[in-house]
Amino acid sequence: SNKAAQKLLGFKRDFVSGLEIRVDDVYAVEEIGKLM
């Protein structure tokens, strides 16, 4: 879990490495990436 990982890695605050995003069309990631 994220909480267990934060404790194991010594994160002092509610940090994460990043966000994972799923889209409805895997071949439209370029266009959606521009919106992001």
PDB file of all heavy atoms in Angstrom:
ATOM      1  N   SER A   1       0.836  -1.201   0.000  1.00  0.00           N
ATOM      2  CA  SER A   1       0.000   0.000   0.000  1.00  0.00           C
ATOM      3  C   SER A   1       0.874   1.255   0.000  1.00  0.00           C
ATOM      4  O   SER A   1       2.050   1.210   0.375  1.00  0.00           O
ATOM      5  CB  SER A   1      -0.914   0.005   1.229  1.00  0.00           C
ATOM      6  OG  SER A   1      -0.138   0.147   2.410  1.00  0.00           O
ATOM      7  N   ASN A   2       0.292   2.358  -0.420  1.00  0.00           N
ATOM      8  CA  ASN A   2       1.040   3.623  -0.447  1.00  0.00           C
ATOM      9  C   ASN A   2       1.497   4.033   0.957  1.00  0.00           C
ATOM     10  O   ASN A   2       2.613   4.530   1.138  1.00  0.00           O
ATOM     11  CB  ASN A   2       0.176   4.724  -1.063  1.00  0.00           C
ATOM     12  CG  ASN A   2       0.270   4.745  -2.582  1.00  0.00           C
ATOM     13  OD1 ASN A   2       1.242   4.252  -3.156  1.00  0.00           O
ATOM     14  ND2 ASN A   2      -0.733   5.307  -3.235  1.00  0.00           N
ATOM     15  N   LYS A   3       0.626   3.825   1.938  1.00  0.00           N
ATOM     16  CA  LYS A   3       0.988   4.200   3.313  1.00  0.00           C
ATOM     17  C   LYS A   3       2.180   3.394   3.813  1.00  0.00           C
ATOM     18  O   LYS A   3       3.110   3.944   4.421  1.00  0.00           O
ATOM     19  CB  LYS A   3      -0.213   3.999   4.247  1.00  0.00           C
ATOM     20  CG  LYS A   3      -1.344   4.999   4.035  1.00  0.00           C
ATOM     21  CD  LYS A   3      -2.456   4.780   5.051  1.00  0.00           C
ATOM     22  CE  LYS A   3      -3.570   5.794   4.861  1.00  0.00           C
ATOM     23  NZ  LYS A   3      -4.674   5.598   5.852  1.00  0.00           N
ATOM     24  N   ALA A   4       2.167   2.088   3.549  1.00  0.00           N
ATOM     25  CA  ALA A   4       3.285   1.248   3.973  1.00  0.00           C
ATOM     26  C   ALA A   4       4.556   1.632   3.232  1.00  0.00           C
ATOM     27  O   ALA A   4       5.657   1.626   3.803  1.00  0.00           O
ATOM     28  CB  ALA A   4       2.946  -0.221   3.734  1.00  0.00           C
ATOM     29  N   ALA A   5       4.430   1.989   1.949  1.00  0.00           N
ATOM     30  CA  ALA A   5       5.594   2.388   1.170  1.00  0.00           C
ATOM     31  C   ALA A   5       6.172   3.702   1.684  1.00  0.00           C
ATOM     32  O   ALA A   5       7.401   3.878   1.741  1.00  0.00           O
ATOM     33  CB  ALA A   5       5.211   2.515  -0.303  1.00  0.00           C
ATOM     34  N   GLN A   6       5.302   4.636   2.069  1.00  0.00           N
ATOM     35  CA  GLN A   6       5.781   5.916   2.606  1.00  0.00           C
ATOM     36  C   GLN A   6       6.558   5.712   3.904  1.00  0.00           C
ATOM     37  O   GLN A   6       7.602   6.340   4.118  1.00  0.00           O
ATOM     38  CB  GLN A   6       4.592   6.853   2.828  1.00  0.00           C
ATOM     39  CG  GLN A   6       3.988   7.381   1.531  1.00  0.00           C
ATOM     40  CD  GLN A   6       2.660   8.082   1.735  1.00  0.00           C
ATOM     41  OE1 GLN A   6       2.058   7.996   2.825  1.00  0.00           O
ATOM     42  NE2 GLN A   6       2.172   8.780   0.712  1.00  0.00           N
ATOM     43  N   LYS A   7       6.067   4.809   4.748  1.00  0.00           N
ATOM     44  CA  LYS A   7       6.780   4.535   6.010  1.00  0.00           C
ATOM     45  C   LYS A   7       8.110   3.833   5.741  1.00  0.00           C
ATOM     46  O   LYS A   7       9.131   4.157   6.347  1.00  0.00           O
ATOM     47  CB  LYS A   7       5.905   3.671   6.919  1.00  0.00           C
ATOM     48  CG  LYS A   7       4.692   4.404   7.473  1.00  0.00           C
ATOM     49  CD  LYS A   7       3.898   3.486   8.388  1.00  0.00           C
ATOM     50  CE  LYS A   7       2.670   4.212   8.945  1.00  0.00           C
ATOM     51  NZ  LYS A   7       1.860   3.313   9.825  1.00  0.00           N
ATOM     52  N   LEU A   8       8.093   2.862   4.806  1.00  0.00           N
ATOM     53  CA  LEU A   8       9.302   2.118   4.511  1.00  0.00           C
ATOM     54  C   LEU A   8      10.383   3.015   3.907  1.00  0.00           C
ATOM     55  O   LEU A   8      11.570   2.893   4.246  1.00  0.00           O
ATOM     56  CB  LEU A   8       8.992   0.969   3.549  1.00  0.00           C
ATOM     57  CG  LEU A   8      10.180   0.114   3.093  1.00  0.00           C
ATOM     58  CD1 LEU A   8      10.762  -0.670   4.255  1.00  0.00           C
ATOM     59  CD2 LEU A   8       9.751  -0.835   1.971  1.00  0.00           C
ATOM     60  N   LEU A   9       9.986   3.925   3.036  1.00  0.00           N
ATOM     61  CA  LEU A   9      10.944   4.784   2.349  1.00  0.00           C
ATOM     62  C   LEU A   9      11.271   6.055   3.120  1.00  0.00           C
ATOM     63  O   LEU A   9      12.067   6.874   2.664  1.00  0.00           O
ATOM     64  CB  LEU A   9      10.410   5.143   0.952  1.00  0.00           C
ATOM     65  CG  LEU A   9      10.176   3.946   0.011  1.00  0.00           C
ATOM     66  CD1 LEU A   9       9.528   4.408  -1.277  1.00  0.00           C
ATOM     67  CD2 LEU A   9      11.492   3.224  -0.275  1.00  0.00           C
ATOM     68  N   GLY A  10      10.616   6.252   4.248  1.00  0.00           N
ATOM     69  CA  GLY A  10      10.935   7.385   5.099  1.00  0.00           C
ATOM     70  C   GLY A  10      10.383   8.711   4.620  1.00  0.00           C
ATOM     71  O   GLY A  10      10.966   9.770   4.900  1.00  0.00           O
ATOM     72  N   PHE A  11       9.245   8.698   3.914  1.00  0.00           N
ATOM     73  CA  PHE A  11       8.626   9.949   3.486  1.00  0.00           C
ATOM     74  C   PHE A  11       8.055  10.669   4.699  1.00  0.00           C
ATOM     75  O   PHE A  11       7.285  10.087   5.476  1.00  0.00           O
ATOM     76  CB  PHE A  11       7.505   9.686   2.475  1.00  0.00           C
ATOM     77  CG  PHE A  11       7.999   9.259   1.121  1.00  0.00           C
ATOM     78  CD1 PHE A  11       7.105   8.962   0.100  1.00  0.00           C
ATOM     79  CD2 PHE A  11       9.355   9.149   0.852  1.00  0.00           C
ATOM     80  CE1 PHE A  11       7.542   8.572  -1.156  1.00  0.00           C
ATOM     81  CE2 PHE A  11       9.809   8.754  -0.400  1.00  0.00           C
ATOM     82  CZ  PHE A  11       8.904   8.463  -1.403  1.00  0.00           C
ATOM     83  N   LYS A  12       8.406  11.928   4.863  1.00  0.00           N
ATOM     84  CA  LYS A  12       7.933  12.701   6.011  1.00  0.00           C
ATOM     85  C   LYS A  12       6.508  13.211   5.819  1.00  0.00           C
ATOM     86  O   LYS A  12       5.804  13.485   6.795  1.00  0.00           O
ATOM     87  CB  LYS A  12       8.868  13.895   6.249  1.00  0.00           C
ATOM     88  CG  LYS A  12      10.326  13.501   6.513  1.00  0.00           C
ATOM     89  CD  LYS A  12      10.466  12.642   7.759  1.00  0.00           C
ATOM     90  CE  LYS A  12      11.924  12.307   8.037  1.00  0.00           C
ATOM     91  NZ  LYS A  12      12.080  11.413   9.205  1.00  0.00           N
ATOM     92  N   ARG A  13       6.110  13.358   4.550  1.00  0.00           N
ATOM     93  CA  ARG A  13       4.759  13.852   4.264  1.00  0.00           C
ATOM     94  C   ARG A  13       4.061  12.905   3.298  1.00  0.00           C
ATOM     95  O   ARG A  13       4.621  11.866   2.914  1.00  0.00           O
ATOM     96  CB  ARG A  13       4.840  15.271   3.677  1.00  0.00           C
ATOM     97  CG  ARG A  13       5.397  16.294   4.666  1.00  0.00           C
ATOM     98  CD  ARG A  13       5.772  17.591   3.938  1.00  0.00           C
ATOM     99  NE  ARG A  13       4.641  18.122   3.185  1.00  0.00           N
ATOM    100  CZ  ARG A  13       4.746  19.139   2.315  1.00  0.00           C
ATOM    101  NH1 ARG A  13       5.938  19.704   2.114  1.00  0.00           N
ATOM    102  NH2 ARG A  13       3.691  19.579   1.670  1.00  0.00           N
ATOM    103  N   ASP A  14       2.859  13.281   2.922  1.00  0.00           N
ATOM    104  CA  ASP A  14       2.055  12.456   2.017  1.00  0.00           C
ATOM    105  C   ASP A  14       2.553  12.647   0.580  1.00  0.00           C
ATOM    106  O   ASP A  14       1.886  13.257  -0.258  1.00  0.00           O
ATOM    107  CB  ASP A  14       0.577  12.828   2.143  1.00  0.00           C
ATOM    108  CG  ASP A  14      -0.331  11.874   1.366  1.00  0.00           C
ATOM    109  OD1 ASP A  14       0.169  10.808   0.950  1.00  0.00           O
ATOM    110  OD2 ASP A  14      -1.514  12.209   1.156  1.00  0.00           O
ATOM    111  N   PHE A  15       3.713  12.101   0.298  1.00  0.00           N
ATOM    112  CA  PHE A  15       4.306  12.174  -1.036  1.00  0.00           C
ATOM    113  C   PHE A  15       4.046  10.877  -1.791  1.00  0.00           C
ATOM    114  O   PHE A  15       3.932   9.798  -1.199  1.00  0.00           O
ATOM    115  CB  PHE A  15       5.822  12.394  -0.966  1.00  0.00           C
ATOM    116  CG  PHE A  15       6.229  13.774  -0.526  1.00  0.00           C
ATOM    117  CD1 PHE A  15       7.369  13.958   0.244  1.00  0.00           C
ATOM    118  CD2 PHE A  15       5.479  14.890  -0.867  1.00  0.00           C
ATOM    119  CE1 PHE A  15       7.761  15.220   0.653  1.00  0.00           C
ATOM    120  CE2 PHE A  15       5.861  16.158  -0.467  1.00  0.00           C
ATOM    121  CZ  PHE A  15       7.005  16.326   0.297  1.00  0.00           C
ATOM    122  N   VAL A  16       4.010  10.986  -3.111  1.00  0.00           N
ATOM    123  CA  VAL A  16       3.969   9.805  -3.973  1.00  0.00           C
ATOM    124  C   VAL A  16       4.968  10.023  -5.113  1.00  0.00           C
ATOM    125  O   VAL A  16       5.445  11.137  -5.336  1.00  0.00           O
ATOM    126  CB  VAL A  16       2.557   9.543  -4.547  1.00  0.00           C
ATOM    127  CG1 VAL A  16       1.581   9.188  -3.441  1.00  0.00           C
ATOM    128  CG2 VAL A  16       2.060  10.729  -5.358  1.00  0.00           C
ATOM    129  N   SER A  17       5.264   8.950  -5.826  1.00  0.00           N
ATOM    130  CA  SER A  17       6.197   9.072  -6.956  1.00  0.00           C
ATOM    131  C   SER A  17       5.523   9.678  -8.180  1.00  0.00           C
ATOM    132  O   SER A  17       6.180  10.316  -9.004  1.00  0.00           O
ATOM    133  CB  SER A  17       6.765   7.704  -7.324  1.00  0.00           C
ATOM    134  OG  SER A  17       7.484   7.150  -6.245  1.00  0.00           O
ATOM    135  N   GLY A  18       4.212   9.483  -8.301  1.00  0.00           N
ATOM    136  CA  GLY A  18       3.523  10.025  -9.459  1.00  0.00           C
ATOM    137  C   GLY A  18       2.085   9.557  -9.531  1.00  0.00           C
ATOM    138  O   GLY A  18       1.557   8.926  -8.594  1.00  0.00           O
ATOM    139  N   LEU A  19       1.446   9.863 -10.660  1.00  0.00           N
ATOM    140  CA  LEU A  19       0.057   9.479 -10.911  1.00  0.00           C
ATOM    141  C   LEU A  19      -0.003   8.609 -12.154  1.00  0.00           C
ATOM    142  O   LEU A  19       0.673   8.876 -13.157  1.00  0.00           O
ATOM    143  CB  LEU A  19      -0.825  10.719 -11.112  1.00  0.00           C
ATOM    144  CG  LEU A  19      -0.962  11.682  -9.933  1.00  0.00           C
ATOM    145  CD1 LEU A  19      -1.717  12.936 -10.363  1.00  0.00           C
ATOM    146  CD2 LEU A  19      -1.687  11.014  -8.763  1.00  0.00           C
ATOM    147  N   GLU A  20      -0.803   7.564 -12.075  1.00  0.00           N
ATOM    148  CA  GLU A  20      -1.043   6.708 -13.229  1.00  0.00           C
ATOM    149  C   GLU A  20      -2.443   6.984 -13.752  1.00  0.00           C
ATOM    150  O   GLU A  20      -3.404   7.022 -12.986  1.00  0.00           O
ATOM    151  CB  GLU A  20      -0.898   5.232 -12.851  1.00  0.00           C
ATOM    152  CG  GLU A  20       0.543   4.849 -12.508  1.00  0.00           C
ATOM    153  CD  GLU A  20       0.693   3.378 -12.222  1.00  0.00           C
ATOM    154  OE1 GLU A  20       0.024   2.899 -11.288  1.00  0.00           O
ATOM    155  OE2 GLU A  20       1.470   2.708 -12.920  1.00  0.00           O
ATOM    156  N   ILE A  21      -2.547   7.185 -15.063  1.00  0.00           N
ATOM    157  CA  ILE A  21      -3.811   7.562 -15.685  1.00  0.00           C
ATOM    158  C   ILE A  21      -4.194   6.542 -16.739  1.00  0.00           C
ATOM    159  O   ILE A  21      -3.338   6.104 -17.531  1.00  0.00           O
ATOM    160  CB  ILE A  21      -3.713   8.973 -16.337  1.00  0.00           C
ATOM    161  CG1 ILE A  21      -3.414  10.032 -15.272  1.00  0.00           C
ATOM    162  CG2 ILE A  21      -4.988   9.314 -17.068  1.00  0.00           C
ATOM    163  CD1 ILE A  21      -1.967  10.399 -15.142  1.00  0.00           C
ATOM    164  N   ARG A  22      -5.453   6.175 -16.738  1.00  0.00           N
ATOM    165  CA  ARG A  22      -5.986   5.275 -17.766  1.00  0.00           C
ATOM    166  C   ARG A  22      -6.946   6.049 -18.656  1.00  0.00           C
ATOM    167  O   ARG A  22      -7.731   6.864 -18.163  1.00  0.00           O
ATOM    168  CB  ARG A  22      -6.710   4.089 -17.116  1.00  0.00           C
ATOM    169  CG  ARG A  22      -7.047   2.971 -18.104  1.00  0.00           C
ATOM    170  CD  ARG A  22      -7.586   1.756 -17.385  1.00  0.00           C
ATOM    171  NE  ARG A  22      -7.760   0.627 -18.285  1.00  0.00           N
ATOM    172  CZ  ARG A  22      -6.804  -0.221 -18.600  1.00  0.00           C
ATOM    173  NH1 ARG A  22      -5.608  -0.062 -18.078  1.00  0.00           N
ATOM    174  NH2 ARG A  22      -7.023  -1.223 -19.439  1.00  0.00           N
ATOM    175  N   VAL A  23      -6.883   5.799 -19.959  1.00  0.00           N
ATOM    176  CA  VAL A  23      -7.732   6.500 -20.917  1.00  0.00           C
ATOM    177  C   VAL A  23      -8.592   5.484 -21.666  1.00  0.00           C
ATOM    178  O   VAL A  23      -8.319   4.278 -21.648  1.00  0.00           O
ATOM    179  CB  VAL A  23      -6.886   7.337 -21.904  1.00  0.00           C
ATOM    180  CG1 VAL A  23      -6.069   8.385 -21.163  1.00  0.00           C
ATOM    181  CG2 VAL A  23      -5.952   6.445 -22.711  1.00  0.00           C
ATOM    182  N   ASP A  24      -9.631   5.976 -22.332  1.00  0.00           N
ATOM    183  CA  ASP A  24     -10.544   5.070 -23.025  1.00  0.00           C
ATOM    184  C   ASP A  24     -10.004   4.615 -24.381  1.00  0.00           C
ATOM    185  O   ASP A  24     -10.426   3.589 -24.905  1.00  0.00           O
ATOM    186  CB  ASP A  24     -11.925   5.721 -23.200  1.00  0.00           C
ATOM    187  CG  ASP A  24     -11.847   7.085 -23.878  1.00  0.00           C
ATOM    188  OD1 ASP A  24     -10.735   7.485 -24.293  1.00  0.00           O
ATOM    189  OD2 ASP A  24     -12.879   7.758 -23.981  1.00  0.00           O
ATOM    190  N   ASP A  25      -9.065   5.365 -24.958  1.00  0.00           N
ATOM    191  CA  ASP A  25      -8.468   5.003 -26.237  1.00  0.00           C
ATOM    192  C   ASP A  25      -6.945   5.033 -26.087  1.00  0.00           C
ATOM    193  O   ASP A  25      -6.351   6.102 -25.919  1.00  0.00           O
ATOM    194  CB  ASP A  25      -8.914   5.970 -27.335  1.00  0.00           C
ATOM    195  CG  ASP A  25      -8.373   5.586 -28.716  1.00  0.00           C
ATOM    196  OD1 ASP A  25      -7.698   4.534 -28.822  1.00  0.00           O
ATOM    197  OD2 ASP A  25      -8.625   6.333 -29.677  1.00  0.00           O
ATOM    198  N   VAL A  26      -6.319   3.852 -26.129  1.00  0.00           N
ATOM    199  CA  VAL A  26      -4.871   3.777 -25.874  1.00  0.00           C
ATOM    200  C   VAL A  26      -4.062   4.470 -26.964  1.00  0.00           C
ATOM    201  O   VAL A  26      -2.889   4.790 -26.760  1.00  0.00           O
ATOM    202  CB  VAL A  26      -4.415   2.311 -25.743  1.00  0.00           C
ATOM    203  CG1 VAL A  26      -5.014   1.669 -24.515  1.00  0.00           C
ATOM    204  CG2 VAL A  26      -4.733   1.506 -27.000  1.00  0.00           C
ATOM    205  N   TYR A  27      -4.671   4.687 -28.142  1.00  0.00           N
ATOM    206  CA  TYR A  27      -3.945   5.337 -29.231  1.00  0.00           C
ATOM    207  C   TYR A  27      -4.187   6.848 -29.271  1.00  0.00           C
ATOM    208  O   TYR A  27      -3.699   7.518 -30.172  1.00  0.00           O
ATOM    209  CB  TYR A  27      -4.333   4.711 -30.570  1.00  0.00           C
ATOM    210  CG  TYR A  27      -3.933   3.262 -30.665  1.00  0.00           C
ATOM    211  CD1 TYR A  27      -4.880   2.246 -30.567  1.00  0.00           C
ATOM    212  CD2 TYR A  27      -2.593   2.899 -30.815  1.00  0.00           C
ATOM    213  CE1 TYR A  27      -4.501   0.905 -30.638  1.00  0.00           C
ATOM    214  CE2 TYR A  27      -2.215   1.573 -30.881  1.00  0.00           C
ATOM    215  CZ  TYR A  27      -3.170   0.584 -30.796  1.00  0.00           C
ATOM    216  OH  TYR A  27      -2.785  -0.733 -30.858  1.00  0.00           O
ATOM    217  N   ALA A  28      -4.925   7.366 -28.278  1.00  0.00           N
ATOM    218  CA  ALA A  28      -5.171   8.804 -28.208  1.00  0.00           C
ATOM    219  C   ALA A  28      -4.382   9.445 -27.074  1.00  0.00           C
ATOM    220  O   ALA A  28      -4.716  10.535 -26.612  1.00  0.00           O
ATOM    221  CB  ALA A  28      -6.668   9.065 -28.023  1.00  0.00           C
ATOM    222  N   VAL A  29      -3.323   8.764 -26.604  1.00  0.00           N
ATOM    223  CA  VAL A  29      -2.569   9.271 -25.452  1.00  0.00           C
ATOM    224  C   VAL A  29      -1.824  10.563 -25.759  1.00  0.00           C
ATOM    225  O   VAL A  29      -1.603  11.386 -24.871  1.00  0.00           O
ATOM    226  CB  VAL A  29      -1.580   8.196 -24.937  1.00  0.00           C
ATOM    227  CG1 VAL A  29      -2.314   7.070 -24.231  1.00  0.00           C
ATOM    228  CG2 VAL A  29      -0.719   7.652 -26.080  1.00  0.00           C
ATOM    229  N   GLU A  30      -1.443  10.767 -27.014  1.00  0.00           N
ATOM    230  CA  GLU A  30      -0.737  12.008 -27.366  1.00  0.00           C
ATOM    231  C   GLU A  30      -1.656  13.213 -27.187  1.00  0.00           C
ATOM    232  O   GLU A  30      -1.269  14.230 -26.602  1.00  0.00           O
ATOM    233  CB  GLU A  30      -0.242  11.941 -28.811  1.00  0.00           C
ATOM    234  CG  GLU A  30       0.946  11.017 -29.032  1.00  0.00           C
ATOM    235  CD  GLU A  30       2.241  11.597 -28.484  1.00  0.00           C
ATOM    236  OE1 GLU A  30       2.267  12.805 -28.178  1.00  0.00           O
ATOM    237  OE2 GLU A  30       3.213  10.830 -28.349  1.00  0.00           O
ATOM    238  N   GLU A  31      -2.883  13.111 -27.699  1.00  0.00           N
ATOM    239  CA  GLU A  31      -3.828  14.222 -27.598  1.00  0.00           C
ATOM    240  C   GLU A  31      -4.225  14.480 -26.145  1.00  0.00           C
ATOM    241  O   GLU A  31      -4.288  15.636 -25.700  1.00  0.00           O
ATOM    242  CB  GLU A  31      -5.085  13.933 -28.436  1.00  0.00           C
ATOM    243  CG  GLU A  31      -4.860  13.902 -29.935  1.00  0.00           C
ATOM    244  CD  GLU A  31      -4.160  12.658 -30.421  1.00  0.00           C
ATOM    245  OE1 GLU A  31      -4.087  11.672 -29.634  1.00  0.00           O
ATOM    246  OE2 GLU A  31      -3.676  12.655 -31.565  1.00  0.00           O
ATOM    247  N   ILE A  32      -4.475  13.392 -25.401  1.00  0.00           N
ATOM    248  CA  ILE A  32      -4.861  13.559 -23.994  1.00  0.00           C
ATOM    249  C   ILE A  32      -3.686  14.110 -23.185  1.00  0.00           C
ATOM    250  O   ILE A  32      -3.867  14.899 -22.255  1.00  0.00           O
ATOM    251  CB  ILE A  32      -5.363  12.225 -23.418  1.00  0.00           C
ATOM    252  CG1 ILE A  32      -6.625  11.776 -24.166  1.00  0.00           C
ATOM    253  CG2 ILE A  32      -5.646  12.344 -21.921  1.00  0.00           C
ATOM    254  CD1 ILE A  32      -7.129  10.414 -23.780  1.00  0.00           C
ATOM    255  N   GLY A  33      -2.464  13.711 -23.551  1.00  0.00           N
ATOM    256  CA  GLY A  33      -1.273  14.232 -22.876  1.00  0.00           C
ATOM    257  C   GLY A  33      -1.138  15.737 -23.044  1.00  0.00           C
ATOM    258  O   GLY A  33      -0.713  16.442 -22.116  1.00  0.00           O
ATOM    259  N   LYS A  34      -1.501  16.251 -24.218  1.00  0.00           N
ATOM    260  CA  LYS A  34      -1.461  17.701 -24.445  1.00  0.00           C
ATOM    261  C   LYS A  34      -2.468  18.427 -23.559  1.00  0.00           C
ATOM    262  O   LYS A  34      -2.191  19.513 -23.031  1.00  0.00           O
ATOM    263  CB  LYS A  34      -1.730  18.007 -25.915  1.00  0.00           C
ATOM    264  CG  LYS A  34      -0.621  17.532 -26.845  1.00  0.00           C
ATOM    265  CD  LYS A  34      -0.980  17.784 -28.305  1.00  0.00           C
ATOM    266  CE  LYS A  34       0.117  17.253 -29.228  1.00  0.00           C
ATOM    267  NZ  LYS A  34      -0.241  17.443 -30.653  1.00  0.00           N
ATOM    268  N   LEU A  35      -3.648  17.824 -23.383  1.00  0.00           N
ATOM    269  CA  LEU A  35      -4.647  18.417 -22.486  1.00  0.00           C
ATOM    270  C   LEU A  35      -4.136  18.426 -21.048  1.00  0.00           C
ATOM    271  O   LEU A  35      -4.382  19.386 -20.300  1.00  0.00           O
ATOM    272  CB  LEU A  35      -5.960  17.638 -22.578  1.00  0.00           C
ATOM    273  CG  LEU A  35      -6.688  17.648 -23.929  1.00  0.00           C
ATOM    274  CD1 LEU A  35      -7.924  16.755 -23.874  1.00  0.00           C
ATOM    275  CD2 LEU A  35      -7.097  19.076 -24.310  1.00  0.00           C
ATOM    276  N   MET A  36      -3.424  17.371 -20.653  1.00  0.00           N
ATOM    277  CA  MET A  36      -2.881  17.308 -19.293  1.00  0.00           C
ATOM    278  C   MET A  36      -1.813  18.372 -19.068  1.00  0.00           C
ATOM    279  O   MET A  36      -1.713  18.949 -17.981  1.00  0.00           O
ATOM    280  CB  MET A  36      -2.297  15.910 -19.031  1.00  0.00           C
ATOM    281  CG  MET A  36      -3.333  14.835 -18.861  1.00  0.00           C
ATOM    282  SD  MET A  36      -2.570  13.258 -18.432  1.00  0.00           S
ATOM    283  CE  MET A  36      -4.006  12.196 -18.532  1.00  0.00           C
TER     284      MET A  36
END
